[in-house]
């Protein structure tokens, strides 16, 4: 059986004029035929990367504006290893996280191999280059893995990226922790956040103490039973504290 032929010209059957006519009738697709798509070389933290421009401009308004500007006279930046496009203030791991998402983000294995560290790198670089869709994906990933972060790490990350809920959720385990907060831990935070943490912790510790010493009504068998009028702190008070913190932090980030 003769295999099908997919649109290849048979120059033996068609004369030169018919071939020319066919060529003239062809048109370039407005979206998927891109003369500007080319490989560019980037220098990030001492490492060279070669990347398709269209992948970057599709997701990043920063790269879209960068490549829209006419190049200077002479050799265009990004054409060779000796004249790369220099990307400052971005680590190699962050740029790798961005490219891994652009090239592999649609595959199932990408989600399976995602780690908290990769998600944080992806959030950082997508914020830097204004990649809104990628940033949303990174935020969802970090939020779902919030329990994997140490509380102080979560607070620092939340303050850096203005995520009120990350900071508020991290306050609760620190406020309930039985061991005192170390100076080396608290010094990682801005003064107003550290002061707020001390106030929340004092409030929570007093509540825990009152819960422990409040007498329970005796049962007929002599065994104390929990007070029905004292719901668990975690069901009510923690939620209230997180809501209040979120409101306060929202105002702080907006100012």
C-alpha atoms as a PDB file:
ATOM      1  CA  UNK A   1       0.000   0.000   0.000  1.00  0.00           C
ATOM      2  CA  UNK A   2       1.379   3.366  -0.999  1.00  0.00           C
ATOM      3  CA  UNK A   3       1.781   5.711   2.003  1.00  0.00           C
ATOM      4  CA  UNK A   4      -0.161   8.982   1.841  1.00  0.00           C
ATOM      5  CA  UNK A   5       1.616  12.121   0.773  1.00  0.00           C
ATOM      6  CA  UNK A   6       1.099  15.184   2.946  1.00  0.00           C
ATOM      7  CA  UNK A   7       1.224  18.216   0.709  1.00  0.00           C
ATOM      8  CA  UNK A   8       4.751  17.848  -0.634  1.00  0.00           C
ATOM      9  CA  UNK A   9       5.250  19.315  -4.105  1.00  0.00           C
ATOM     10  CA  UNK A  10       6.024  16.953  -6.943  1.00  0.00           C
ATOM     11  CA  UNK A  11       8.228  19.108  -9.116  1.00  0.00           C
ATOM     12  CA  UNK A  12       8.284  16.453 -11.836  1.00  0.00           C
ATOM     13  CA  UNK A  13       4.504  16.740 -12.373  1.00  0.00           C
ATOM     14  CA  UNK A  14       4.101  20.506 -11.914  1.00  0.00           C
ATOM     15  CA  UNK A  15       5.707  23.016 -14.174  1.00  0.00           C
ATOM     16  CA  UNK A  16       7.519  26.083 -12.882  1.00  0.00           C
ATOM     17  CA  UNK A  17       4.579  28.412 -13.419  1.00  0.00           C
ATOM     18  CA  UNK A  18       2.127  26.307 -11.407  1.00  0.00           C
ATOM     19  CA  UNK A  19       4.672  26.015  -8.593  1.00  0.00           C
ATOM     20  CA  UNK A  20       5.059  29.788  -8.546  1.00  0.00           C
ATOM     21  CA  UNK A  21       1.299  30.249  -8.444  1.00  0.00           C
ATOM     22  CA  UNK A  22       1.000  27.907  -5.453  1.00  0.00           C
ATOM     23  CA  UNK A  23       3.748  29.772  -3.626  1.00  0.00           C
ATOM     24  CA  UNK A  24       2.063  33.103  -4.208  1.00  0.00           C
ATOM     25  CA  UNK A  25      -1.248  31.798  -2.859  1.00  0.00           C
ATOM     26  CA  UNK A  26       0.299  30.759   0.446  1.00  0.00           C
ATOM     27  CA  UNK A  27      -0.064  33.060   3.401  1.00  0.00           C
ATOM     28  CA  UNK A  28       1.674  33.157   6.726  1.00  0.00           C
ATOM     29  CA  UNK A  29      -0.354  32.397   9.811  1.00  0.00           C
ATOM     30  CA  UNK A  30      -0.721  35.622  11.844  1.00  0.00           C
ATOM     31  CA  UNK A  31       0.004  33.871  15.139  1.00  0.00           C
ATOM     32  CA  UNK A  32       1.990  30.711  14.448  1.00  0.00           C
ATOM     33  CA  UNK A  33       4.362  32.042  11.795  1.00  0.00           C
ATOM     34  CA  UNK A  34       6.594  34.407  13.679  1.00  0.00           C
ATOM     35  CA  UNK A  35       9.618  35.925  12.001  1.00  0.00           C
ATOM     36  CA  UNK A  36      10.687  37.430  15.310  1.00  0.00           C
ATOM     37  CA  UNK A  37      10.912  34.067  17.072  1.00  0.00           C
ATOM     38  CA  UNK A  38      14.567  33.290  17.575  1.00  0.00           C
ATOM     39  CA  UNK A  39      16.934  31.888  20.134  1.00  0.00           C
ATOM     40  CA  UNK A  40      18.587  34.396  22.437  1.00  0.00           C
ATOM     41  CA  UNK A  41      21.427  33.905  24.869  1.00  0.00           C
ATOM     42  CA  UNK A  42      21.053  35.132  28.453  1.00  0.00           C
ATOM     43  CA  UNK A  43      23.618  35.462  31.213  1.00  0.00           C
ATOM     44  CA  UNK A  44      22.150  34.755  34.650  1.00  0.00           C
ATOM     45  CA  UNK A  45      24.399  34.546  37.717  1.00  0.00           C
ATOM     46  CA  UNK A  46      27.390  33.577  35.587  1.00  0.00           C
ATOM     47  CA  UNK A  47      25.525  30.874  33.625  1.00  0.00           C
ATOM     48  CA  UNK A  48      24.553  31.103  29.946  1.00  0.00           C
ATOM     49  CA  UNK A  49      21.070  30.064  28.782  1.00  0.00           C
ATOM     50  CA  UNK A  50      19.740  29.839  25.226  1.00  0.00           C
ATOM     51  CA  UNK A  51      15.974  30.320  25.056  1.00  0.00           C
ATOM     52  CA  UNK A  52      13.258  30.936  22.471  1.00  0.00           C
ATOM     53  CA  UNK A  53      12.101  34.522  22.672  1.00  0.00           C
ATOM     54  CA  UNK A  54       8.464  33.650  21.973  1.00  0.00           C
ATOM     55  CA  UNK A  55       8.236  31.557  25.137  1.00  0.00           C
ATOM     56  CA  UNK A  56       9.342  34.508  27.235  1.00  0.00           C
ATOM     57  CA  UNK A  57       7.303  37.200  25.503  1.00  0.00           C
ATOM     58  CA  UNK A  58       4.165  35.046  25.639  1.00  0.00           C
ATOM     59  CA  UNK A  59       4.169  35.041  29.450  1.00  0.00           C
ATOM     60  CA  UNK A  60       6.144  38.142  30.449  1.00  0.00           C
ATOM     61  CA  UNK A  61       5.308  41.761  29.788  1.00  0.00           C
ATOM     62  CA  UNK A  62       8.871  42.650  30.785  1.00  0.00           C
ATOM     63  CA  UNK A  63      10.424  40.456  28.081  1.00  0.00           C
ATOM     64  CA  UNK A  64       7.782  41.570  25.602  1.00  0.00           C
ATOM     65  CA  UNK A  65       8.821  45.190  26.112  1.00  0.00           C
ATOM     66  CA  UNK A  66      12.517  44.289  26.062  1.00  0.00           C
ATOM     67  CA  UNK A  67      12.358  42.606  22.654  1.00  0.00           C
ATOM     68  CA  UNK A  68      10.043  45.268  21.216  1.00  0.00           C
ATOM     69  CA  UNK A  69      12.805  47.883  21.532  1.00  0.00           C
ATOM     70  CA  UNK A  70      15.055  48.211  18.471  1.00  0.00           C
ATOM     71  CA  UNK A  71      18.565  46.850  19.078  1.00  0.00           C
ATOM     72  CA  UNK A  72      21.555  49.191  19.104  1.00  0.00           C
ATOM     73  CA  UNK A  73      23.838  49.412  16.109  1.00  0.00           C
ATOM     74  CA  UNK A  74      26.258  46.603  15.670  1.00  0.00           C
ATOM     75  CA  UNK A  75      25.869  43.155  17.155  1.00  0.00           C
ATOM     76  CA  UNK A  76      22.515  42.588  18.807  1.00  0.00           C
ATOM     77  CA  UNK A  77      22.601  41.453  22.436  1.00  0.00           C
ATOM     78  CA  UNK A  78      21.796  37.789  22.835  1.00  0.00           C
ATOM     79  CA  UNK A  79      23.251  36.653  19.503  1.00  0.00           C
ATOM     80  CA  UNK A  80      26.426  35.089  20.905  1.00  0.00           C
ATOM     81  CA  UNK A  81      28.066  33.901  24.106  1.00  0.00           C
ATOM     82  CA  UNK A  82      30.312  36.944  24.041  1.00  0.00           C
ATOM     83  CA  UNK A  83      27.352  39.347  23.906  1.00  0.00           C
ATOM     84  CA  UNK A  84      24.561  37.812  25.987  1.00  0.00           C
ATOM     85  CA  UNK A  85      21.540  39.552  27.444  1.00  0.00           C
ATOM     86  CA  UNK A  86      22.486  40.095  31.075  1.00  0.00           C
ATOM     87  CA  UNK A  87      19.711  39.405  33.601  1.00  0.00           C
ATOM     88  CA  UNK A  88      20.580  41.003  36.979  1.00  0.00           C
ATOM     89  CA  UNK A  89      19.082  40.275  40.392  1.00  0.00           C
ATOM     90  CA  UNK A  90      17.914  36.773  39.401  1.00  0.00           C
ATOM     91  CA  UNK A  91      19.530  33.563  40.617  1.00  0.00           C
ATOM     92  CA  UNK A  92      20.347  30.633  38.373  1.00  0.00           C
ATOM     93  CA  UNK A  93      17.841  28.450  40.258  1.00  0.00           C
ATOM     94  CA  UNK A  94      15.078  31.025  39.731  1.00  0.00           C
ATOM     95  CA  UNK A  95      15.702  31.287  35.986  1.00  0.00           C
ATOM     96  CA  UNK A  96      15.848  27.499  35.734  1.00  0.00           C
ATOM     97  CA  UNK A  97      12.468  27.314  37.497  1.00  0.00           C
ATOM     98  CA  UNK A  98      10.989  29.723  34.941  1.00  0.00           C
ATOM     99  CA  UNK A  99      12.342  27.792  31.940  1.00  0.00           C
ATOM    100  CA  UNK A 100      11.287  24.457  33.406  1.00  0.00           C
ATOM    101  CA  UNK A 101       7.732  25.769  33.666  1.00  0.00           C
ATOM    102  CA  UNK A 102       7.780  27.210  30.125  1.00  0.00           C
ATOM    103  CA  UNK A 103       9.110  24.025  28.545  1.00  0.00           C
ATOM    104  CA  UNK A 104       7.574  21.333  30.769  1.00  0.00           C
ATOM    105  CA  UNK A 105       4.697  22.932  32.688  1.00  0.00           C
ATOM    106  CA  UNK A 106       2.004  21.235  30.595  1.00  0.00           C
ATOM    107  CA  UNK A 107       3.240  17.717  31.416  1.00  0.00           C
ATOM    108  CA  UNK A 108       2.048  15.635  34.374  1.00  0.00           C
ATOM    109  CA  UNK A 109       5.623  14.953  35.433  1.00  0.00           C
ATOM    110  CA  UNK A 110       6.123  18.664  36.078  1.00  0.00           C
ATOM    111  CA  UNK A 111       3.563  18.708  38.895  1.00  0.00           C
ATOM    112  CA  UNK A 112       4.863  15.420  40.244  1.00  0.00           C
ATOM    113  CA  UNK A 113       8.399  16.798  40.504  1.00  0.00           C
ATOM    114  CA  UNK A 114       7.383  20.171  41.943  1.00  0.00           C
ATOM    115  CA  UNK A 115       8.965  21.010  45.297  1.00  0.00           C
ATOM    116  CA  UNK A 116       8.365  23.878  47.698  1.00  0.00           C
ATOM    117  CA  UNK A 117      11.780  25.322  46.843  1.00  0.00           C
ATOM    118  CA  UNK A 118      10.987  25.270  43.104  1.00  0.00           C
ATOM    119  CA  UNK A 119       7.619  26.911  43.734  1.00  0.00           C
ATOM    120  CA  UNK A 120       9.251  29.727  45.722  1.00  0.00           C
ATOM    121  CA  UNK A 121      11.849  30.261  42.990  1.00  0.00           C
ATOM    122  CA  UNK A 122       9.071  30.305  40.417  1.00  0.00           C
ATOM    123  CA  UNK A 123       7.119  32.868  42.444  1.00  0.00           C
ATOM    124  CA  UNK A 124      10.184  35.094  42.762  1.00  0.00           C
ATOM    125  CA  UNK A 125      11.120  35.070  39.083  1.00  0.00           C
ATOM    126  CA  UNK A 126       7.529  35.359  37.826  1.00  0.00           C
ATOM    127  CA  UNK A 127       7.031  38.395  40.055  1.00  0.00           C
ATOM    128  CA  UNK A 128      10.272  39.921  38.794  1.00  0.00           C
ATOM    129  CA  UNK A 129       9.290  39.541  35.120  1.00  0.00           C
ATOM    130  CA  UNK A 130       5.536  40.152  35.544  1.00  0.00           C
ATOM    131  CA  UNK A 131       4.413  36.694  34.434  1.00  0.00           C
ATOM    132  CA  UNK A 132       0.905  36.845  35.888  1.00  0.00           C
ATOM    133  CA  UNK A 133      -0.286  33.359  34.867  1.00  0.00           C
ATOM    134  CA  UNK A 134       2.872  31.691  36.141  1.00  0.00           C
ATOM    135  CA  UNK A 135       2.709  33.704  39.348  1.00  0.00           C
ATOM    136  CA  UNK A 136      -0.820  32.452  40.029  1.00  0.00           C
ATOM    137  CA  UNK A 137       0.353  28.873  39.565  1.00  0.00           C
ATOM    138  CA  UNK A 138       3.255  29.403  41.971  1.00  0.00           C
ATOM    139  CA  UNK A 139       1.001  31.025  44.590  1.00  0.00           C
ATOM    140  CA  UNK A 140      -1.424  28.095  44.430  1.00  0.00           C
ATOM    141  CA  UNK A 141       1.425  25.624  44.816  1.00  0.00           C
ATOM    142  CA  UNK A 142       2.958  27.396  47.820  1.00  0.00           C
ATOM    143  CA  UNK A 143      -0.417  27.865  49.519  1.00  0.00           C
ATOM    144  CA  UNK A 144      -1.132  24.153  49.204  1.00  0.00           C
ATOM    145  CA  UNK A 145       2.268  23.383  50.758  1.00  0.00           C
ATOM    146  CA  UNK A 146       2.078  25.997  53.508  1.00  0.00           C
ATOM    147  CA  UNK A 147       2.355  23.380  56.253  1.00  0.00           C
ATOM    148  CA  UNK A 148       5.789  22.362  54.924  1.00  0.00           C
ATOM    149  CA  UNK A 149       7.256  25.768  55.771  1.00  0.00           C
ATOM    150  CA  UNK A 150       8.697  26.766  59.099  1.00  0.00           C
ATOM    151  CA  UNK A 151       6.545  29.559  60.601  1.00  0.00           C
ATOM    152  CA  UNK A 152       9.244  32.230  60.481  1.00  0.00           C
ATOM    153  CA  UNK A 153      10.068  31.289  56.879  1.00  0.00           C
ATOM    154  CA  UNK A 154       6.368  31.577  56.022  1.00  0.00           C
ATOM    155  CA  UNK A 155       6.152  35.014  57.656  1.00  0.00           C
ATOM    156  CA  UNK A 156       9.201  36.302  55.782  1.00  0.00           C
ATOM    157  CA  UNK A 157       7.880  34.932  52.492  1.00  0.00           C
ATOM    158  CA  UNK A 158       4.421  36.372  53.120  1.00  0.00           C
ATOM    159  CA  UNK A 159       5.851  39.804  53.902  1.00  0.00           C
ATOM    160  CA  UNK A 160       8.061  39.704  50.819  1.00  0.00           C
ATOM    161  CA  UNK A 161       5.207  38.904  48.442  1.00  0.00           C
ATOM    162  CA  UNK A 162       2.392  40.620  50.391  1.00  0.00           C
ATOM    163  CA  UNK A 163       0.501  37.408  51.174  1.00  0.00           C
ATOM    164  CA  UNK A 164      -1.485  38.268  54.291  1.00  0.00           C
ATOM    165  CA  UNK A 165      -2.874  34.767  54.769  1.00  0.00           C
ATOM    166  CA  UNK A 166       0.592  33.185  54.913  1.00  0.00           C
ATOM    167  CA  UNK A 167       1.669  35.554  57.686  1.00  0.00           C
ATOM    168  CA  UNK A 168      -1.565  35.155  59.658  1.00  0.00           C
ATOM    169  CA  UNK A 169      -1.502  31.356  59.480  1.00  0.00           C
ATOM    170  CA  UNK A 170       2.124  31.255  60.608  1.00  0.00           C
ATOM    171  CA  UNK A 171       1.359  33.387  63.678  1.00  0.00           C
ATOM    172  CA  UNK A 172      -0.846  30.706  65.281  1.00  0.00           C
ATOM    173  CA  UNK A 173       1.733  27.920  65.865  1.00  0.00           C
ATOM    174  CA  UNK A 174       4.236  30.514  67.103  1.00  0.00           C
ATOM    175  CA  UNK A 175       1.663  31.978  69.493  1.00  0.00           C
ATOM    176  CA  UNK A 176       0.771  28.531  70.829  1.00  0.00           C
ATOM    177  CA  UNK A 177       4.350  27.237  71.056  1.00  0.00           C
ATOM    178  CA  UNK A 178       5.286  26.252  74.596  1.00  0.00           C
ATOM    179  CA  UNK A 179       8.956  27.190  74.248  1.00  0.00           C
ATOM    180  CA  UNK A 180       9.836  30.907  74.282  1.00  0.00           C
ATOM    181  CA  UNK A 181      10.617  32.698  71.067  1.00  0.00           C
ATOM    182  CA  UNK A 182      14.363  33.118  70.589  1.00  0.00           C
ATOM    183  CA  UNK A 183      15.857  36.536  69.911  1.00  0.00           C
ATOM    184  CA  UNK A 184      17.533  35.138  66.804  1.00  0.00           C
ATOM    185  CA  UNK A 185      14.096  34.179  65.475  1.00  0.00           C
ATOM    186  CA  UNK A 186      12.260  37.396  66.254  1.00  0.00           C
ATOM    187  CA  UNK A 187      15.110  39.545  64.919  1.00  0.00           C
ATOM    188  CA  UNK A 188      14.333  38.205  61.442  1.00  0.00           C
ATOM    189  CA  UNK A 189      11.093  40.202  61.447  1.00  0.00           C
ATOM    190  CA  UNK A 190      10.408  43.934  61.101  1.00  0.00           C
ATOM    191  CA  UNK A 191       9.814  45.646  64.434  1.00  0.00           C
ATOM    192  CA  UNK A 192       6.069  46.174  63.933  1.00  0.00           C
ATOM    193  CA  UNK A 193       5.521  42.537  62.914  1.00  0.00           C
ATOM    194  CA  UNK A 194       7.639  41.259  65.818  1.00  0.00           C
ATOM    195  CA  UNK A 195       5.690  43.449  68.256  1.00  0.00           C
ATOM    196  CA  UNK A 196       2.401  42.205  66.863  1.00  0.00           C
ATOM    197  CA  UNK A 197       3.581  38.618  67.209  1.00  0.00           C
ATOM    198  CA  UNK A 198       4.429  39.214  70.884  1.00  0.00           C
ATOM    199  CA  UNK A 199       0.929  40.625  71.513  1.00  0.00           C
ATOM    200  CA  UNK A 200      -0.780  37.694  69.782  1.00  0.00           C
ATOM    201  CA  UNK A 201       1.421  35.213  71.612  1.00  0.00           C
ATOM    202  CA  UNK A 202       0.689  36.823  74.996  1.00  0.00           C
ATOM    203  CA  UNK A 203      -3.043  36.644  74.295  1.00  0.00           C
ATOM    204  CA  UNK A 204      -2.887  33.002  73.217  1.00  0.00           C
ATOM    205  CA  UNK A 205      -0.707  31.907  76.127  1.00  0.00           C
ATOM    206  CA  UNK A 206      -3.128  33.479  78.626  1.00  0.00           C
ATOM    207  CA  UNK A 207      -6.036  31.702  76.976  1.00  0.00           C
ATOM    208  CA  UNK A 208      -4.213  28.375  77.055  1.00  0.00           C
ATOM    209  CA  UNK A 209      -3.385  28.904  80.734  1.00  0.00           C
ATOM    210  CA  UNK A 210      -6.999  29.719  81.579  1.00  0.00           C
ATOM    211  CA  UNK A 211      -8.144  26.666  79.664  1.00  0.00           C
ATOM    212  CA  UNK A 212      -5.775  24.478  81.662  1.00  0.00           C
ATOM    213  CA  UNK A 213      -6.674  25.781  85.125  1.00  0.00           C
ATOM    214  CA  UNK A 214     -10.434  26.254  84.643  1.00  0.00           C
ATOM    215  CA  UNK A 215     -12.157  23.548  86.696  1.00  0.00           C
ATOM    216  CA  UNK A 216     -14.377  21.111  84.891  1.00  0.00           C
ATOM    217  CA  UNK A 217     -17.686  20.002  86.375  1.00  0.00           C
ATOM    218  CA  UNK A 218     -17.430  16.613  88.085  1.00  0.00           C
ATOM    219  CA  UNK A 219     -19.233  13.643  86.643  1.00  0.00           C
ATOM    220  CA  UNK A 220     -21.220  11.163  88.738  1.00  0.00           C
ATOM    221  CA  UNK A 221     -18.289   8.778  88.460  1.00  0.00           C
ATOM    222  CA  UNK A 222     -15.759  11.276  89.775  1.00  0.00           C
ATOM    223  CA  UNK A 223     -14.024  11.873  86.469  1.00  0.00           C
ATOM    224  CA  UNK A 224     -13.918  15.465  85.155  1.00  0.00           C
ATOM    225  CA  UNK A 225     -15.625  16.003  81.825  1.00  0.00           C
ATOM    226  CA  UNK A 226     -14.895  18.815  79.343  1.00  0.00           C
ATOM    227  CA  UNK A 227     -16.944  21.965  79.704  1.00  0.00           C
ATOM    228  CA  UNK A 228     -19.496  22.211  76.920  1.00  0.00           C
ATOM    229  CA  UNK A 229     -19.437  25.996  77.090  1.00  0.00           C
ATOM    230  CA  UNK A 230     -15.704  26.108  76.306  1.00  0.00           C
ATOM    231  CA  UNK A 231     -15.215  25.279  72.612  1.00  0.00           C
ATOM    232  CA  UNK A 232     -11.673  24.435  71.516  1.00  0.00           C
ATOM    233  CA  UNK A 233      -9.587  27.535  70.986  1.00  0.00           C
ATOM    234  CA  UNK A 234      -8.449  26.352  67.572  1.00  0.00           C
ATOM    235  CA  UNK A 235     -12.021  26.260  66.222  1.00  0.00           C
ATOM    236  CA  UNK A 236     -12.927  29.855  67.033  1.00  0.00           C
ATOM    237  CA  UNK A 237     -10.158  32.022  68.367  1.00  0.00           C
ATOM    238  CA  UNK A 238      -7.548  31.020  65.780  1.00  0.00           C
ATOM    239  CA  UNK A 239      -9.877  31.898  62.933  1.00  0.00           C
ATOM    240  CA  UNK A 240     -10.738  35.228  64.527  1.00  0.00           C
ATOM    241  CA  UNK A 241      -7.069  36.093  65.036  1.00  0.00           C
ATOM    242  CA  UNK A 242      -6.205  35.187  61.441  1.00  0.00           C
ATOM    243  CA  UNK A 243      -9.007  37.362  60.097  1.00  0.00           C
ATOM    244  CA  UNK A 244      -7.928  40.336  62.206  1.00  0.00           C
ATOM    245  CA  UNK A 245      -4.295  39.882  61.206  1.00  0.00           C
ATOM    246  CA  UNK A 246      -5.239  39.630  57.549  1.00  0.00           C
ATOM    247  CA  UNK A 247      -7.186  42.897  57.742  1.00  0.00           C
ATOM    248  CA  UNK A 248      -4.302  44.671  59.500  1.00  0.00           C
ATOM    249  CA  UNK A 249      -1.700  43.349  57.060  1.00  0.00           C
ATOM    250  CA  UNK A 250      -3.837  44.290  54.059  1.00  0.00           C
ATOM    251  CA  UNK A 251      -3.880  47.874  55.290  1.00  0.00           C
ATOM    252  CA  UNK A 252      -0.129  47.782  55.915  1.00  0.00           C
ATOM    253  CA  UNK A 253       0.661  46.464  52.409  1.00  0.00           C
ATOM    254  CA  UNK A 254      -1.582  49.058  50.777  1.00  0.00           C
ATOM    255  CA  UNK A 255       0.086  51.968  52.591  1.00  0.00           C
END
